[in-house]
Amino acid sequence: MKEWFKYEFGYVNIDDQNVYLTNTGNWSETKNMEEKTKKVDKENDNRSSSMIGFILVVICIFAFLIFKSYISGKVGLSLIAITSFGGYKLYGYLKTEIGAKFKIPINKISEIKVAEKSIEIIFTNGEGKIDSYKLYRIEEKGISIMNSLKQYAS
């Protein structure tokens, strides 16, 4: 079994042994992936913080340019529209880099809670502690895959 689907911050790849949370959905990204531990959590947090920081810097630069244009009386609706559209596209492009990267062995999954467009996976992490991860904005394909995995895992 090899399945994949998209969620808000990346992709979920599933094979016979593991559920992988990836940024690209590319299977080669899963080869050296580790289970969720404090170290992996810290790496994910650092990468997410860097991306969010980058997005905030870009927003501040554009806000400064709009403010400067406003002070000089040359602010136009096109500048605001282009800035807003560009910011939205930048976030859409970079949001997969905000998502976590780790694997969950299927035999360590204790529960999968499926809601309308979200899923919560409750599992035992790499340190032997009960942990959970929520996936939001899941496509319909992902809901059906996780429902079948729910039956497969139990």
Protein backbone atom coordinates (compact mmCIF):
# COMPACT_ATOMS: atom_id res chain seq x y z
CA MET A 1 0.00 0.00 0.00
CA LYS A 2 1.34 3.40 -0.98
CA GLU A 3 -1.01 6.35 -0.61
CA TRP A 4 -0.65 10.10 -0.24
CA PHE A 5 -2.82 13.16 0.20
CA LYS A 6 -2.48 16.85 0.83
CA TYR A 7 -3.26 18.79 3.98
CA GLU A 8 -2.91 22.47 4.91
CA PHE A 9 0.84 22.50 5.57
CA GLY A 10 2.14 19.72 3.33
CA TYR A 11 1.53 16.11 2.43
CA VAL A 12 0.86 12.82 4.17
CA ASN A 13 2.50 9.75 2.63
CA ILE A 14 1.44 6.30 3.83
CA ASP A 15 3.04 2.93 3.18
CA ASP A 16 2.60 -0.49 4.84
CA GLN A 17 4.67 0.46 7.88
CA ASN A 18 4.53 4.23 8.45
CA VAL A 19 2.59 7.45 8.08
CA TYR A 20 4.94 10.24 6.95
CA LEU A 21 4.30 13.97 7.25
CA THR A 22 6.29 15.65 4.47
CA ASN A 23 6.62 19.05 2.84
CA THR A 24 6.65 17.93 -0.80
CA GLY A 25 4.86 14.59 -0.92
CA ASN A 26 7.92 13.13 -2.64
CA TRP A 27 8.62 9.56 -1.49
CA SER A 28 12.39 10.16 -1.50
CA GLU A 29 11.83 12.64 1.34
CA THR A 30 10.59 9.77 3.55
CA LYS A 31 13.75 7.64 3.36
CA ASN A 32 15.71 9.19 6.26
CA MET A 33 12.76 10.49 8.23
CA GLU A 34 12.74 9.97 12.00
CA GLU A 35 9.93 9.41 14.46
CA LYS A 36 8.67 12.43 16.39
CA THR A 37 10.95 13.19 19.35
CA LYS A 38 11.96 16.39 21.16
CA LYS A 39 14.88 16.77 18.72
CA VAL A 40 12.65 16.39 15.66
CA ASP A 41 10.06 18.72 17.22
CA LYS A 42 12.75 21.36 17.80
CA GLU A 43 13.98 21.07 14.19
CA ASN A 44 10.40 21.44 12.93
CA ASP A 45 9.83 24.46 15.19
CA ASN A 46 13.08 26.12 14.05
CA ARG A 47 12.23 25.62 10.38
CA SER A 48 8.68 26.91 10.89
CA SER A 49 9.90 29.93 12.85
CA SER A 50 12.40 30.75 10.10
CA MET A 51 9.70 30.60 7.42
CA ILE A 52 7.26 32.68 9.45
CA GLY A 53 10.05 35.16 10.20
CA PHE A 54 10.86 35.43 6.49
CA ILE A 55 7.21 36.02 5.63
CA LEU A 56 6.96 38.71 8.34
CA VAL A 57 10.10 40.47 7.03
CA VAL A 58 8.64 40.53 3.52
CA ILE A 59 5.33 41.87 4.88
CA CYS A 60 7.17 44.60 6.82
CA ILE A 61 9.12 45.63 3.72
CA PHE A 62 5.94 45.93 1.67
CA ALA A 63 4.16 47.74 4.53
CA PHE A 64 7.07 50.21 4.64
CA LEU A 65 6.86 50.74 0.87
CA ILE A 66 3.11 51.34 1.04
CA PHE A 67 3.53 53.69 4.02
CA LYS A 68 6.31 55.58 2.22
CA SER A 69 4.12 55.89 -0.89
CA TYR A 70 1.22 57.05 1.27
CA ILE A 71 3.35 59.76 2.91
CA SER A 72 4.52 61.03 -0.47
CA GLY A 73 0.94 60.97 -1.77
CA LYS A 74 1.71 58.45 -4.50
CA VAL A 75 -0.02 55.41 -3.07
CA GLY A 76 -2.16 53.72 -5.63
CA LEU A 77 -4.76 51.05 -5.49
CA SER A 78 -2.61 48.92 -7.80
CA LEU A 79 0.30 48.92 -5.29
CA ILE A 80 -1.98 47.77 -2.50
CA ALA A 81 -3.60 45.13 -4.72
CA ILE A 82 -0.26 43.80 -5.99
CA THR A 83 1.14 43.72 -2.46
CA SER A 84 -1.89 41.87 -1.10
CA PHE A 85 -1.93 39.38 -3.97
CA GLY A 86 1.85 38.87 -3.73
CA GLY A 87 1.64 38.26 0.02
CA TYR A 88 -1.14 35.74 -0.45
CA LYS A 89 0.81 33.89 -3.16
CA LEU A 90 4.01 33.95 -1.07
CA TYR A 91 2.18 32.41 1.87
CA GLY A 92 0.61 29.78 -0.40
CA TYR A 93 4.02 28.90 -1.82
CA LEU A 94 5.83 28.74 1.53
CA LYS A 95 3.14 27.25 3.79
CA THR A 96 4.24 23.68 3.08
CA GLU A 97 7.61 24.59 4.61
CA ILE A 98 5.82 25.45 7.87
CA GLY A 99 4.47 21.90 8.27
CA ALA A 100 6.07 19.23 10.42
CA LYS A 101 8.32 16.47 9.07
CA PHE A 102 8.34 13.13 10.88
CA LYS A 103 7.08 9.58 10.60
CA ILE A 104 4.60 7.62 12.69
CA PRO A 105 4.86 3.83 12.62
CA ILE A 106 1.38 2.43 11.96
CA ASN A 107 1.74 -0.06 14.81
CA LYS A 108 2.21 2.87 17.24
CA ILE A 109 -1.04 4.60 16.24
CA SER A 110 -3.58 4.15 19.02
CA GLU A 111 -6.42 6.24 17.60
CA ILE A 112 -7.40 8.24 14.53
CA LYS A 113 -10.15 10.81 15.02
CA VAL A 114 -11.68 11.88 11.72
CA ALA A 115 -13.75 15.06 11.53
CA GLU A 116 -15.19 16.87 8.50
CA LYS A 117 -11.95 18.39 7.16
CA SER A 118 -9.48 17.51 9.91
CA ILE A 119 -7.86 14.46 11.46
CA GLU A 120 -6.19 13.91 14.80
CA ILE A 121 -3.68 11.07 15.04
CA ILE A 122 -2.93 9.82 18.54
CA PHE A 123 0.23 7.75 18.72
CA THR A 124 3.25 6.75 20.79
CA ASN A 125 6.18 8.94 19.78
CA GLY A 126 9.85 7.98 19.46
CA GLU A 127 10.37 8.60 23.19
CA GLY A 128 7.59 6.20 24.20
CA LYS A 129 5.16 8.95 25.22
CA ILE A 130 1.57 9.36 24.05
CA ASP A 131 1.45 12.21 21.53
CA SER A 132 -0.95 13.59 18.94
CA TYR A 133 -0.87 15.61 15.76
CA LYS A 134 -3.74 17.37 14.03
CA LEU A 135 -4.04 17.73 10.27
CA TYR A 136 -6.30 20.47 8.93
CA ARG A 137 -7.87 21.21 5.54
CA ILE A 138 -7.60 17.68 4.28
CA GLU A 139 -8.85 16.84 0.83
CA GLU A 140 -11.67 14.28 0.48
CA LYS A 141 -9.24 11.62 -0.74
CA GLY A 142 -7.31 11.95 2.54
CA ILE A 143 -10.41 11.45 4.70
CA SER A 144 -11.23 8.17 2.95
CA ILE A 145 -7.59 6.99 3.13
CA MET A 146 -7.43 7.73 6.86
CA ASN A 147 -10.76 5.97 7.46
CA SER A 148 -9.38 2.85 5.79
CA LEU A 149 -6.10 3.20 7.74
CA LYS A 150 -8.16 3.46 10.91
CA GLN A 151 -9.58 -0.01 10.21
CA TYR A 152 -6.17 -1.35 9.11
CA ALA A 153 -4.42 -0.08 12.26
CA SER A 154 -6.96 -1.54 14.70
